[in-house]
């Protein structure tokens, strides 16, 4: 058994920030499924929303967040995260994070951060590093992590299940405390036991539950599924944010066209070159993501087209290339010069607004188990995440969770001995085609029946089919030795079920959840979360 003081699952901004804060107080293990830089953070293009200019204010950022959240945000949480954001941004800069500076200010001998604007924001407040902000954040944090002797990173390790006191004792009379996690070392197939008094879920979201997503392959909802299996509360999983503009190209896999392109003047058009967003919202192409995604979905269904166009050719080519070097270079690699022709785009699953229920300090309802970042549901995002608020939430809540975890450190194991992983009579998998087929079926099912626009009938059909798939997957899981593919399949099946169940719980349309059978908001569901427990 590997024993640590702090156990972190995930190596994005939430996990790495937490690790740096707790490292002076004990031994830290970071468990990550692939290499340490592979995370949703690494793919974040837009940036971090924070109040840093004199023209902006906390009140304005709070108001924009509440409006985007469609009556479901926890205002106290919103205020705490918005107001604590600038201090956390400053810490990031001190670690070596290099945000883009204003060219105009620099030409006049001043150093000012270049602030972008994105959908739903009333002010320019998006700090960015050109269009590769996430990659730059990962670089800065991993460089700082490398200097910490107390931190050990276990790459290519995938968590199987959390270990809790109730599971070990076999009854629910005792306090349910997290003691650690069973972990599969992918190359050897060996299962190891990691124990710690503090376990942090920083596992990101669940984009791979859908056929089309902007997320990397690792985004299979592992943290939500594991937390649900040990009895943690899960909320608002019906609110899956579809990013309106993913590059539509047969050879492009999950490449995001940043919201900042629209923030800098990009216009959405049909394939015939007709602007359409003015028919849907006064803010046109700068409306919030749920509005824009539904508008694109509607236009595609009306015309039968496979995509729409995003046009920024009216801006000077020099500006476009300087502001969006990665997008320009990537599109050019697919034969699209974005300075001369519009970009074909399509909506894709992007962000999980719900998750494991936590307070602003990252505490779940299981002692010793914390959750921070996209895996968590703090009440910040409500029914629709405001663009670029997610990295801000991860920074602030990781800081607060670290302070809380340090203050609450104790030996969690006590007299309980954690047994090693038992494979029993499990065999090597004989038909891997079962895993790949079920994986594809779930993702297509979710895309077709539980996508941007839903109906009760589609949701009920999805629920019935998922129940059959769950039974197959369960039998396979218990009969065969675990593999990374099987574990991820088991997790996406669980998360798919949670999304459908939460969607059926909400008899209205609000934010990211749009049900044709209930096209309007129901006042009775304002400030009400859809909460599930096992």
Protein backbone atom coordinates (compact mmCIF):
# COMPACT_ATOMS: atom_id res chain seq x y z
CA UNK A 1 0.00 0.00 0.00
CA UNK A 2 1.27 3.43 -0.97
CA UNK A 3 0.58 5.95 1.78
CA UNK A 4 0.51 9.72 1.33
CA UNK A 5 -0.84 12.75 3.16
CA UNK A 6 -2.65 14.09 0.12
CA UNK A 7 -3.93 12.14 -2.87
CA UNK A 8 -4.90 14.03 -6.06
CA UNK A 9 -6.70 12.48 -9.03
CA UNK A 10 -6.07 14.64 -12.11
CA UNK A 11 -3.35 16.96 -13.35
CA UNK A 12 -5.20 20.02 -14.65
CA UNK A 13 -5.28 23.49 -13.12
CA UNK A 14 -7.33 22.32 -10.11
CA UNK A 15 -5.15 19.36 -9.17
CA UNK A 16 -1.81 21.07 -9.76
CA UNK A 17 -2.83 24.26 -7.89
CA UNK A 18 -4.01 22.21 -4.91
CA UNK A 19 -0.80 20.15 -4.95
CA UNK A 20 1.41 23.25 -4.77
CA UNK A 21 -0.55 24.62 -1.80
CA UNK A 22 -0.50 21.42 0.28
CA UNK A 23 3.04 20.23 -0.58
CA UNK A 24 4.68 22.07 2.36
CA UNK A 25 2.38 20.12 4.72
CA UNK A 26 2.98 16.53 3.65
CA UNK A 27 3.66 13.97 0.93
CA UNK A 28 1.54 14.42 -2.18
CA UNK A 29 0.65 11.91 -4.91
CA UNK A 30 -0.80 13.09 -8.23
CA UNK A 31 -2.42 10.28 -10.21
CA UNK A 32 -3.06 11.03 -13.89
CA UNK A 33 -4.43 8.81 -16.66
CA UNK A 34 -1.99 9.77 -19.40
CA UNK A 35 0.96 12.14 -19.23
CA UNK A 36 0.93 14.92 -16.67
CA UNK A 37 0.12 17.69 -19.20
CA UNK A 38 -2.91 15.89 -20.73
CA UNK A 39 -5.98 17.59 -19.26
CA UNK A 40 -8.94 19.76 -20.24
CA UNK A 41 -6.93 22.72 -18.93
CA UNK A 42 -4.28 22.10 -21.56
CA UNK A 43 -6.87 22.54 -24.33
CA UNK A 44 -8.46 25.73 -22.95
CA UNK A 45 -7.98 28.46 -25.55
CA UNK A 46 -10.02 31.42 -24.34
CA UNK A 47 -8.61 32.29 -20.94
CA UNK A 48 -9.55 33.19 -17.35
CA UNK A 49 -12.30 35.68 -16.54
CA UNK A 50 -11.25 38.03 -13.74
CA UNK A 51 -11.71 41.67 -12.78
CA UNK A 52 -8.36 43.36 -13.40
CA UNK A 53 -9.17 46.65 -15.17
CA UNK A 54 -10.43 49.98 -13.79
CA UNK A 55 -13.36 49.92 -16.23
CA UNK A 56 -14.57 46.61 -14.77
CA UNK A 57 -16.07 45.79 -11.36
CA UNK A 58 -16.88 42.80 -9.19
CA UNK A 59 -20.57 43.75 -9.40
CA UNK A 60 -20.46 43.61 -13.20
CA UNK A 61 -18.76 40.18 -13.24
CA UNK A 62 -21.22 38.86 -10.63
CA UNK A 63 -24.19 40.21 -12.61
CA UNK A 64 -22.96 38.63 -15.87
CA UNK A 65 -22.43 35.28 -14.13
CA UNK A 66 -25.89 35.31 -12.51
CA UNK A 67 -27.56 36.26 -15.78
CA UNK A 68 -25.77 33.47 -17.63
CA UNK A 69 -26.70 30.96 -14.90
CA UNK A 70 -30.43 31.51 -15.57
CA UNK A 71 -31.59 31.68 -11.95
CA UNK A 72 -29.65 28.69 -10.63
CA UNK A 73 -26.37 30.21 -9.44
CA UNK A 74 -25.57 30.41 -5.74
CA UNK A 75 -24.97 34.17 -5.46
CA UNK A 76 -22.82 33.90 -2.32
CA UNK A 77 -20.52 31.42 -4.10
CA UNK A 78 -20.41 33.61 -7.21
CA UNK A 79 -19.34 36.63 -5.14
CA UNK A 80 -16.65 34.71 -3.26
CA UNK A 81 -15.09 33.30 -6.41
CA UNK A 82 -15.28 36.57 -8.37
CA UNK A 83 -13.85 38.65 -5.52
CA UNK A 84 -11.03 36.23 -4.71
CA UNK A 85 -10.07 35.79 -8.36
CA UNK A 86 -7.56 38.66 -8.76
CA UNK A 87 -5.40 37.42 -5.85
CA UNK A 88 -5.24 33.92 -7.35
CA UNK A 89 -4.39 35.38 -10.77
CA UNK A 90 -1.51 37.29 -9.19
CA UNK A 91 -0.20 34.06 -7.64
CA UNK A 92 -0.32 32.40 -11.05
CA UNK A 93 1.68 35.27 -12.57
CA UNK A 94 4.24 34.98 -9.76
CA UNK A 95 4.62 31.27 -10.62
CA UNK A 96 5.67 32.29 -14.13
CA UNK A 97 2.37 32.42 -16.05
CA UNK A 98 2.76 34.82 -18.98
CA UNK A 99 -0.51 36.45 -20.04
CA UNK A 100 -0.65 38.41 -23.29
CA UNK A 101 -0.03 42.13 -22.97
CA UNK A 102 -1.72 44.94 -24.88
CA UNK A 103 0.23 45.86 -28.02
CA UNK A 104 -1.20 49.39 -27.92
CA UNK A 105 -0.06 49.94 -24.32
CA UNK A 106 3.36 48.46 -25.07
CA UNK A 107 3.83 50.84 -28.02
CA UNK A 108 3.34 53.70 -25.54
CA UNK A 109 5.84 52.23 -23.08
CA UNK A 110 3.25 50.75 -20.68
CA UNK A 111 2.70 47.17 -19.52
CA UNK A 112 -0.98 46.27 -19.47
CA UNK A 113 -2.67 42.91 -19.80
CA UNK A 114 -4.58 42.40 -23.04
CA UNK A 115 -8.16 41.66 -22.00
CA UNK A 116 -10.47 39.74 -24.33
CA UNK A 117 -14.26 39.71 -24.47
CA UNK A 118 -16.44 36.63 -24.79
CA UNK A 119 -20.13 35.80 -25.00
CA UNK A 120 -22.20 36.93 -22.01
CA UNK A 121 -19.53 39.32 -20.65
CA UNK A 122 -20.39 43.03 -20.49
CA UNK A 123 -16.72 44.02 -20.13
CA UNK A 124 -13.33 43.00 -21.48
CA UNK A 125 -12.03 40.80 -18.66
CA UNK A 126 -10.60 37.63 -20.23
CA UNK A 127 -6.90 37.21 -19.44
CA UNK A 128 -5.30 35.01 -22.07
CA UNK A 129 -2.02 33.83 -23.53
CA UNK A 130 -2.92 34.41 -27.18
CA UNK A 131 -5.17 31.40 -27.96
CA UNK A 132 -3.22 28.76 -25.98
CA UNK A 133 -3.98 29.92 -22.44
CA UNK A 134 -4.48 26.44 -21.01
CA UNK A 135 -1.20 25.18 -22.40
CA UNK A 136 0.65 28.12 -20.82
CA UNK A 137 -1.06 27.53 -17.45
CA UNK A 138 -0.05 23.85 -17.50
CA UNK A 139 3.53 24.83 -18.37
CA UNK A 140 3.78 27.28 -15.47
CA UNK A 141 2.20 24.94 -12.93
CA UNK A 142 4.16 21.85 -13.98
CA UNK A 143 7.40 23.84 -13.81
CA UNK A 144 6.55 24.84 -10.23
CA UNK A 145 5.54 21.26 -9.37
CA UNK A 146 8.94 20.00 -10.58
CA UNK A 147 10.63 22.09 -7.88
CA UNK A 148 8.64 20.46 -5.06
CA UNK A 149 10.34 17.38 -3.53
CA UNK A 150 7.15 16.42 -1.66
CA UNK A 151 5.14 15.87 -4.86
CA UNK A 152 5.24 12.59 -6.78
CA UNK A 153 3.39 12.21 -10.10
CA UNK A 154 2.12 8.80 -11.22
CA UNK A 155 1.55 9.03 -14.97
CA UNK A 156 -0.46 6.45 -16.95
CA UNK A 157 -2.34 5.40 -13.81
CA UNK A 158 -6.15 5.25 -13.80
CA UNK A 159 -8.30 5.22 -10.67
CA UNK A 160 -10.72 2.30 -10.39
CA UNK A 161 -12.77 3.11 -7.30
CA UNK A 162 -12.59 5.21 -4.15
CA UNK A 163 -12.09 3.35 -0.86
CA UNK A 164 -14.45 4.43 1.94
CA UNK A 165 -14.94 3.37 5.53
CA UNK A 166 -18.56 2.39 4.92
CA UNK A 167 -17.54 0.09 2.06
CA UNK A 168 -14.88 -1.60 4.17
CA UNK A 169 -17.18 -2.05 7.16
CA UNK A 170 -20.12 -3.08 5.00
CA UNK A 171 -22.68 -0.87 6.74
CA UNK A 172 -23.75 2.76 6.82
CA UNK A 173 -23.92 3.36 10.57
CA UNK A 174 -20.40 4.78 10.72
CA UNK A 175 -19.20 8.09 9.26
CA UNK A 176 -18.54 7.68 5.57
CA UNK A 177 -14.89 8.71 5.16
CA UNK A 178 -12.71 8.45 2.08
CA UNK A 179 -9.51 6.50 2.77
CA UNK A 180 -7.91 6.38 -0.66
CA UNK A 181 -8.32 4.73 -4.05
CA UNK A 182 -7.55 1.57 -6.00
CA UNK A 183 -5.47 2.43 -9.07
CA UNK A 184 -4.62 0.52 -12.26
CA UNK A 185 -1.07 0.94 -13.55
CA UNK A 186 -1.84 0.81 -17.26
CA UNK A 187 1.36 -0.68 -18.69
CA UNK A 188 1.68 -3.58 -16.23
CA UNK A 189 -2.00 -4.17 -15.51
CA UNK A 190 -1.19 -4.21 -11.79
CA UNK A 191 -3.71 -2.73 -9.34
CA UNK A 192 -2.21 -0.72 -6.48
CA UNK A 193 -3.72 0.69 -3.30
CA UNK A 194 -3.16 4.38 -2.56
CA UNK A 195 -4.17 5.58 0.92
CA UNK A 196 -4.39 9.13 2.30
CA UNK A 197 -6.47 11.10 4.82
CA UNK A 198 -7.24 13.65 2.07
CA UNK A 199 -8.33 12.72 -1.46
CA UNK A 200 -9.03 15.37 -4.09
CA UNK A 201 -11.06 14.69 -7.24
CA UNK A 202 -9.72 17.00 -9.95
CA UNK A 203 -10.68 14.70 -12.81
CA UNK A 204 -12.36 17.21 -15.12
CA UNK A 205 -15.52 16.66 -17.13
CA UNK A 206 -17.29 14.09 -19.25
CA UNK A 207 -17.22 15.32 -22.87
CA UNK A 208 -16.39 11.86 -24.23
CA UNK A 209 -19.90 10.71 -23.20
CA UNK A 210 -20.94 12.44 -26.46
CA UNK A 211 -20.08 11.56 -30.04
CA UNK A 212 -18.76 15.04 -30.81
CA UNK A 213 -16.78 16.91 -28.17
CA UNK A 214 -14.05 19.51 -27.80
CA UNK A 215 -12.57 17.50 -24.90
CA UNK A 216 -9.52 15.22 -25.01
CA UNK A 217 -9.95 11.43 -24.81
CA UNK A 218 -9.39 11.43 -21.03
CA UNK A 219 -12.66 13.31 -20.32
CA UNK A 220 -14.79 10.29 -19.36
CA UNK A 221 -16.42 11.57 -16.16
CA UNK A 222 -14.38 9.28 -13.90
CA UNK A 223 -14.58 11.48 -10.80
CA UNK A 224 -18.35 11.91 -10.94
CA UNK A 225 -18.88 8.16 -11.51
CA UNK A 226 -16.55 7.14 -8.66
CA UNK A 227 -18.05 9.67 -6.24
CA UNK A 228 -21.58 8.52 -7.10
CA UNK A 229 -20.66 4.86 -6.50
CA UNK A 230 -19.57 5.63 -2.92
CA UNK A 231 -22.67 7.68 -2.10
CA UNK A 232 -21.68 11.30 -2.74
CA UNK A 233 -24.42 13.68 -3.90
CA UNK A 234 -24.38 14.54 -7.62
CA UNK A 235 -26.32 17.52 -8.99
CA UNK A 236 -27.34 19.28 -12.21
CA UNK A 237 -25.81 16.82 -14.65
CA UNK A 238 -28.49 17.77 -17.20
CA UNK A 239 -26.56 21.00 -17.80
CA UNK A 240 -23.99 19.96 -20.39
CA UNK A 241 -22.58 22.94 -22.24
CA UNK A 242 -22.18 22.49 -25.97
CA UNK A 243 -19.55 24.80 -27.37
CA UNK A 244 -21.10 26.42 -30.43
CA UNK A 245 -18.00 26.40 -32.57
CA UNK A 246 -15.94 23.24 -33.02
CA UNK A 247 -14.05 23.01 -36.34
CA UNK A 248 -16.03 20.96 -38.84
CA UNK A 249 -13.57 19.00 -40.97
CA UNK A 250 -13.37 15.24 -41.66
CA UNK A 251 -9.75 15.06 -40.50
CA UNK A 252 -10.01 17.40 -37.51
CA UNK A 253 -10.61 15.73 -34.15
CA UNK A 254 -12.21 17.88 -31.47
CA UNK A 255 -10.54 21.17 -32.42
CA UNK A 256 -12.15 24.11 -30.71
CA UNK A 257 -12.58 27.50 -32.37
CA UNK A 258 -12.37 29.79 -29.34
CA UNK A 259 -15.28 31.96 -28.26
CA UNK A 260 -12.76 34.79 -28.43
CA UNK A 261 -13.02 34.71 -32.25
CA UNK A 262 -16.61 35.95 -31.86
CA UNK A 263 -15.44 38.27 -29.09
CA UNK A 264 -13.13 39.95 -31.60
CA UNK A 265 -15.86 40.37 -34.22
CA UNK A 266 -16.38 36.93 -35.78
CA UNK A 267 -19.88 36.56 -37.27
CA UNK A 268 -21.95 33.38 -37.63
CA UNK A 269 -23.54 32.76 -41.02
CA UNK A 270 -25.39 30.03 -42.91
CA UNK A 271 -23.61 28.23 -45.75
CA UNK A 272 -25.31 30.76 -48.05
CA UNK A 273 -23.51 33.59 -46.27
CA UNK A 274 -26.56 34.92 -44.40
CA UNK A 275 -26.09 36.16 -40.82
CA UNK A 276 -28.67 34.56 -38.54
CA UNK A 277 -27.92 35.34 -34.88
CA UNK A 278 -29.88 38.62 -35.00
CA UNK A 279 -33.01 36.42 -35.32
CA UNK A 280 -32.23 34.76 -31.96
CA UNK A 281 -30.77 37.30 -29.55
CA UNK A 282 -29.99 41.06 -29.28
CA UNK A 283 -26.32 40.24 -28.60
CA UNK A 284 -26.19 38.32 -31.91
CA UNK A 285 -22.99 36.23 -32.16
CA UNK A 286 -21.96 37.33 -28.66
CA UNK A 287 -24.96 35.79 -26.90
CA UNK A 288 -24.25 33.15 -24.24
CA UNK A 289 -23.21 29.70 -25.40
CA UNK A 290 -26.52 27.96 -24.77
CA UNK A 291 -28.34 30.49 -26.98
CA UNK A 292 -25.75 30.31 -29.76
CA UNK A 293 -25.53 26.50 -29.72
CA UNK A 294 -29.34 26.16 -29.97
CA UNK A 295 -29.44 28.73 -32.76
CA UNK A 296 -26.82 26.85 -34.79
CA UNK A 297 -28.60 23.55 -34.10
CA UNK A 298 -31.87 25.11 -35.32
CA UNK A 299 -30.29 26.54 -38.49
CA UNK A 300 -28.64 23.20 -39.33
CA UNK A 301 -31.94 21.34 -38.85
CA UNK A 302 -33.84 23.87 -40.98
CA UNK A 303 -31.41 23.70 -43.90
CA UNK A 304 -30.16 20.13 -43.51
CA UNK A 305 -26.60 21.47 -43.50
CA UNK A 306 -23.83 19.70 -41.58
CA UNK A 307 -22.34 22.94 -40.26
CA UNK A 308 -22.51 26.74 -40.30
CA UNK A 309 -19.78 29.32 -40.95
CA UNK A 310 -17.85 31.64 -38.63
CA UNK A 311 -16.43 34.60 -40.52
CA UNK A 312 -13.66 36.92 -39.28
CA UNK A 313 -12.24 37.81 -42.70
CA UNK A 314 -13.34 41.46 -42.28
CA UNK A 315 -10.59 41.91 -39.66
CA UNK A 316 -7.02 42.67 -40.79
CA UNK A 317 -5.07 39.47 -41.50
CA UNK A 318 -2.17 40.66 -39.33
CA UNK A 319 -4.50 41.08 -36.33
CA UNK A 320 -6.15 37.67 -36.81
CA UNK A 321 -2.81 35.84 -37.08
CA UNK A 322 -1.34 37.63 -34.05
CA UNK A 323 -4.43 37.13 -31.85
CA UNK A 324 -5.17 33.53 -32.89
CA UNK A 325 -1.87 31.98 -33.98
CA UNK A 326 -2.78 28.42 -32.99
CA UNK A 327 -6.24 28.53 -34.60
CA UNK A 328 -4.78 30.11 -37.74
CA UNK A 329 -2.00 27.54 -38.02
CA UNK A 330 -4.27 24.55 -37.30
CA UNK A 331 -6.97 25.62 -39.78
CA UNK A 332 -4.32 26.33 -42.40
CA UNK A 333 -3.12 22.76 -41.93
CA UNK A 334 -6.61 21.64 -43.01
CA UNK A 335 -6.57 23.95 -46.02
CA UNK A 336 -8.61 26.79 -44.45
CA UNK A 337 -7.08 30.28 -44.40
CA UNK A 338 -9.23 32.02 -41.78
CA UNK A 339 -8.01 35.47 -42.92
CA UNK A 340 -9.53 34.84 -46.37
CA UNK A 341 -12.43 32.40 -45.87
CA UNK A 342 -14.98 31.60 -43.16
CA UNK A 343 -14.46 28.66 -40.81
CA UNK A 344 -16.92 25.73 -40.97
CA UNK A 345 -18.11 25.06 -37.40
CA UNK A 346 -20.51 22.77 -35.53
CA UNK A 347 -21.55 22.58 -31.84
CA UNK A 348 -19.84 19.93 -29.69
CA UNK A 349 -20.08 18.82 -26.04
CA UNK A 350 -17.71 21.04 -24.11
CA UNK A 351 -18.30 21.55 -20.38
CA UNK A 352 -20.07 19.79 -17.54
CA UNK A 353 -21.80 22.47 -15.44
CA UNK A 354 -23.05 20.01 -12.80
CA UNK A 355 -21.07 17.41 -10.89
CA UNK A 356 -20.17 16.27 -7.38
CA UNK A 357 -21.92 18.56 -4.90
CA UNK A 358 -19.40 20.65 -2.93
CA UNK A 359 -19.23 23.90 -1.03
CA UNK A 360 -16.88 26.67 -2.14
CA UNK A 361 -14.10 24.96 -0.13
CA UNK A 362 -14.35 21.83 -2.27
CA UNK A 363 -15.79 19.68 0.53
CA UNK A 364 -18.14 16.86 -0.50
CA UNK A 365 -20.55 15.13 1.88
CA UNK A 366 -17.99 12.34 2.38
CA UNK A 367 -15.33 13.19 4.98
CA UNK A 368 -11.81 13.42 3.55
CA UNK A 369 -13.08 13.64 -0.05
CA UNK A 370 -12.77 16.96 -1.89
CA UNK A 371 -13.67 17.88 -5.46
CA UNK A 372 -12.50 20.95 -7.40
CA UNK A 373 -12.85 22.14 -10.98
CA UNK A 374 -15.16 20.78 -13.65
CA UNK A 375 -15.88 17.60 -11.65
CA UNK A 376 -17.52 19.69 -8.91
CA UNK A 377 -20.86 21.50 -8.64
CA UNK A 378 -20.30 24.54 -6.43
CA UNK A 379 -23.24 26.66 -7.58
CA UNK A 380 -21.04 29.07 -9.58
CA UNK A 381 -22.26 28.08 -13.05
CA UNK A 382 -25.94 27.50 -12.37
CA UNK A 383 -27.76 26.38 -15.51
CA UNK A 384 -25.13 27.73 -17.90
CA UNK A 385 -21.44 28.45 -17.37
CA UNK A 386 -20.32 31.96 -18.30
CA UNK A 387 -17.36 31.73 -20.68
CA UNK A 388 -13.92 31.51 -19.03
CA UNK A 389 -15.32 31.26 -15.48
CA UNK A 390 -14.20 27.64 -15.16
CA UNK A 391 -10.45 28.23 -14.85
CA UNK A 392 -11.22 30.98 -12.35
CA UNK A 393 -13.35 28.57 -10.28
CA UNK A 394 -10.60 25.94 -10.35
CA UNK A 395 -7.97 28.40 -9.09
CA UNK A 396 -10.07 29.88 -6.30
CA UNK A 397 -11.62 26.63 -5.07
CA UNK A 398 -8.30 24.74 -5.21
CA UNK A 399 -6.82 27.43 -2.93
CA UNK A 400 -9.74 27.26 -0.51
CA UNK A 401 -9.83 23.44 -0.56
CA UNK A 402 -6.11 23.30 0.22
CA UNK A 403 -6.53 25.62 3.21
CA UNK A 404 -9.46 23.53 4.46
CA UNK A 405 -7.66 20.21 3.91
CA UNK A 406 -4.54 21.40 5.74
CA UNK A 407 -6.65 22.55 8.66
CA UNK A 408 -8.59 19.28 8.81
CA UNK A 409 -5.68 16.88 8.33
CA UNK A 410 -5.98 13.78 10.44
CA UNK A 411 -5.27 10.09 10.23
CA UNK A 412 -8.32 8.73 8.44
CA UNK A 413 -7.48 5.06 8.47
CA UNK A 414 -7.37 4.42 12.21
CA UNK A 415 -7.98 0.75 12.99
CA UNK A 416 -9.25 -0.04 9.50
CA UNK A 417 -6.91 -2.12 7.37
CA UNK A 418 -7.41 -1.62 3.64
CA UNK A 419 -7.37 -4.97 1.82
CA UNK A 420 -5.45 -5.25 -1.44
CA UNK A 421 -7.38 -5.36 -4.70
CA UNK A 422 -8.93 -8.76 -5.39
CA UNK A 423 -9.31 -9.97 -8.98
CA UNK A 424 -10.88 -13.25 -7.84
CA UNK A 425 -11.69 -15.57 -10.72
CA UNK A 426 -11.68 -12.81 -13.34
CA UNK A 427 -10.21 -13.74 -16.71
CA UNK A 428 -8.47 -11.74 -19.40
CA UNK A 429 -11.08 -10.10 -21.66
CA UNK A 430 -11.94 -12.41 -24.55
CA UNK A 431 -14.00 -10.09 -26.74
CA UNK A 432 -12.74 -6.52 -26.68
CA UNK A 433 -15.21 -5.72 -29.47
CA UNK A 434 -17.90 -5.68 -26.75
CA UNK A 435 -16.15 -2.77 -25.03
CA UNK A 436 -15.63 -0.75 -28.22
CA UNK A 437 -19.17 -1.41 -29.45
CA UNK A 438 -20.80 -0.37 -26.16
CA UNK A 439 -18.58 2.71 -26.00
CA UNK A 440 -19.70 3.82 -29.48
CA UNK A 441 -23.34 3.00 -28.78
CA UNK A 442 -23.45 5.15 -25.62
CA UNK A 443 -21.81 8.14 -27.31
CA UNK A 444 -24.11 8.03 -30.35
CA UNK A 445 -27.17 7.44 -28.15
CA UNK A 446 -26.32 10.47 -26.00
CA UNK A 447 -25.69 12.65 -29.08
CA UNK A 448 -28.97 11.70 -30.76
CA UNK A 449 -31.29 11.60 -27.73
CA UNK A 450 -29.72 13.77 -25.00
CA UNK A 451 -28.12 16.55 -27.05
CA UNK A 452 -28.68 20.30 -27.36
CA UNK A 453 -32.47 19.93 -27.70
CA UNK A 454 -34.34 17.16 -25.85
CA UNK A 455 -37.81 15.64 -25.50
CA UNK A 456 -39.29 13.39 -22.83
CA UNK A 457 -39.68 10.55 -25.31
CA UNK A 458 -36.03 10.71 -26.38
CA UNK A 459 -34.89 10.87 -22.75
CA UNK A 460 -37.01 7.86 -21.82
CA UNK A 461 -35.68 5.89 -24.78
CA UNK A 462 -32.13 6.77 -23.78
CA UNK A 463 -32.81 5.69 -20.20
CA UNK A 464 -34.18 2.29 -21.28
CA UNK A 465 -31.26 1.57 -23.60
CA UNK A 466 -28.70 2.70 -21.04
CA UNK A 467 -30.21 0.32 -18.46
CA UNK A 468 -29.56 -2.63 -20.81
CA UNK A 469 -26.04 -1.44 -21.55
CA UNK A 470 -25.32 -0.96 -17.84
CA UNK A 471 -26.23 -4.58 -17.18
CA UNK A 472 -23.93 -5.83 -19.97
CA UNK A 473 -21.07 -3.62 -18.78
CA UNK A 474 -21.53 -4.72 -15.16
CA UNK A 475 -21.34 -8.40 -16.11
CA UNK A 476 -18.25 -7.73 -18.20
CA UNK A 477 -16.62 -5.72 -15.38
CA UNK A 478 -17.06 -8.49 -12.78
CA UNK A 479 -16.11 -11.36 -15.11
CA UNK A 480 -12.91 -9.95 -16.60
CA UNK A 481 -9.68 -8.37 -15.41
CA UNK A 482 -9.94 -4.57 -15.47
CA UNK A 483 -8.41 -2.56 -18.31
CA UNK A 484 -8.34 1.21 -18.84
CA UNK A 485 -10.89 0.93 -21.68
CA UNK A 486 -13.27 -1.11 -19.54
CA UNK A 487 -12.97 1.31 -16.60
CA UNK A 488 -13.69 4.30 -18.82
CA UNK A 489 -16.64 2.51 -20.44
CA UNK A 490 -18.08 1.75 -17.00
CA UNK A 491 -17.68 5.41 -16.04
CA UNK A 492 -19.23 6.95 -19.16
CA UNK A 493 -22.19 4.56 -18.82
CA UNK A 494 -22.72 5.77 -15.23
CA UNK A 495 -22.38 9.44 -16.17
CA UNK A 496 -24.72 9.02 -19.15
CA UNK A 497 -27.32 7.55 -16.79
CA UNK A 498 -26.89 10.50 -14.37
CA UNK A 499 -27.30 13.06 -17.20
CA UNK A 500 -30.53 11.41 -18.37
CA UNK A 501 -31.96 11.01 -14.85
CA UNK A 502 -31.23 14.65 -13.99
CA UNK A 503 -32.79 15.78 -17.29
CA UNK A 504 -35.96 13.80 -16.53
CA UNK A 505 -36.11 15.38 -13.07
CA UNK A 506 -36.33 18.92 -14.50
CA UNK A 507 -39.74 19.66 -16.11
CA UNK A 508 -38.74 22.95 -17.73
CA UNK A 509 -36.23 24.51 -20.11
CA UNK A 510 -33.48 26.44 -18.33
CA UNK A 511 -30.00 27.37 -19.50
CA UNK A 512 -28.29 24.39 -21.09
CA UNK A 513 -31.28 22.07 -20.59
CA UNK A 514 -33.78 22.64 -23.39
CA UNK A 515 -36.79 20.29 -23.51
CA UNK A 516 -39.32 20.78 -26.32
CA UNK A 517 -42.04 19.37 -24.06
CA UNK A 518 -41.39 22.14 -21.52
CA UNK A 519 -40.15 25.09 -23.63
CA UNK A 520 -40.41 27.67 -20.82
CA UNK A 521 -38.79 28.12 -17.44
CA UNK A 522 -40.82 26.87 -14.49
CA UNK A 523 -40.60 29.35 -11.56
CA UNK A 524 -40.92 26.45 -9.11
CA UNK A 525 -37.52 25.20 -10.32
CA UNK A 526 -35.65 28.46 -9.85
CA UNK A 527 -32.87 27.89 -7.29
CA UNK A 528 -33.64 24.15 -7.26
CA UNK A 529 -30.92 21.65 -8.09
CA UNK A 530 -31.56 18.18 -9.49
CA UNK A 531 -29.74 16.06 -6.89
CA UNK A 532 -29.08 12.31 -7.16
CA UNK A 533 -27.60 9.81 -4.71
CA UNK A 534 -26.91 6.14 -5.19
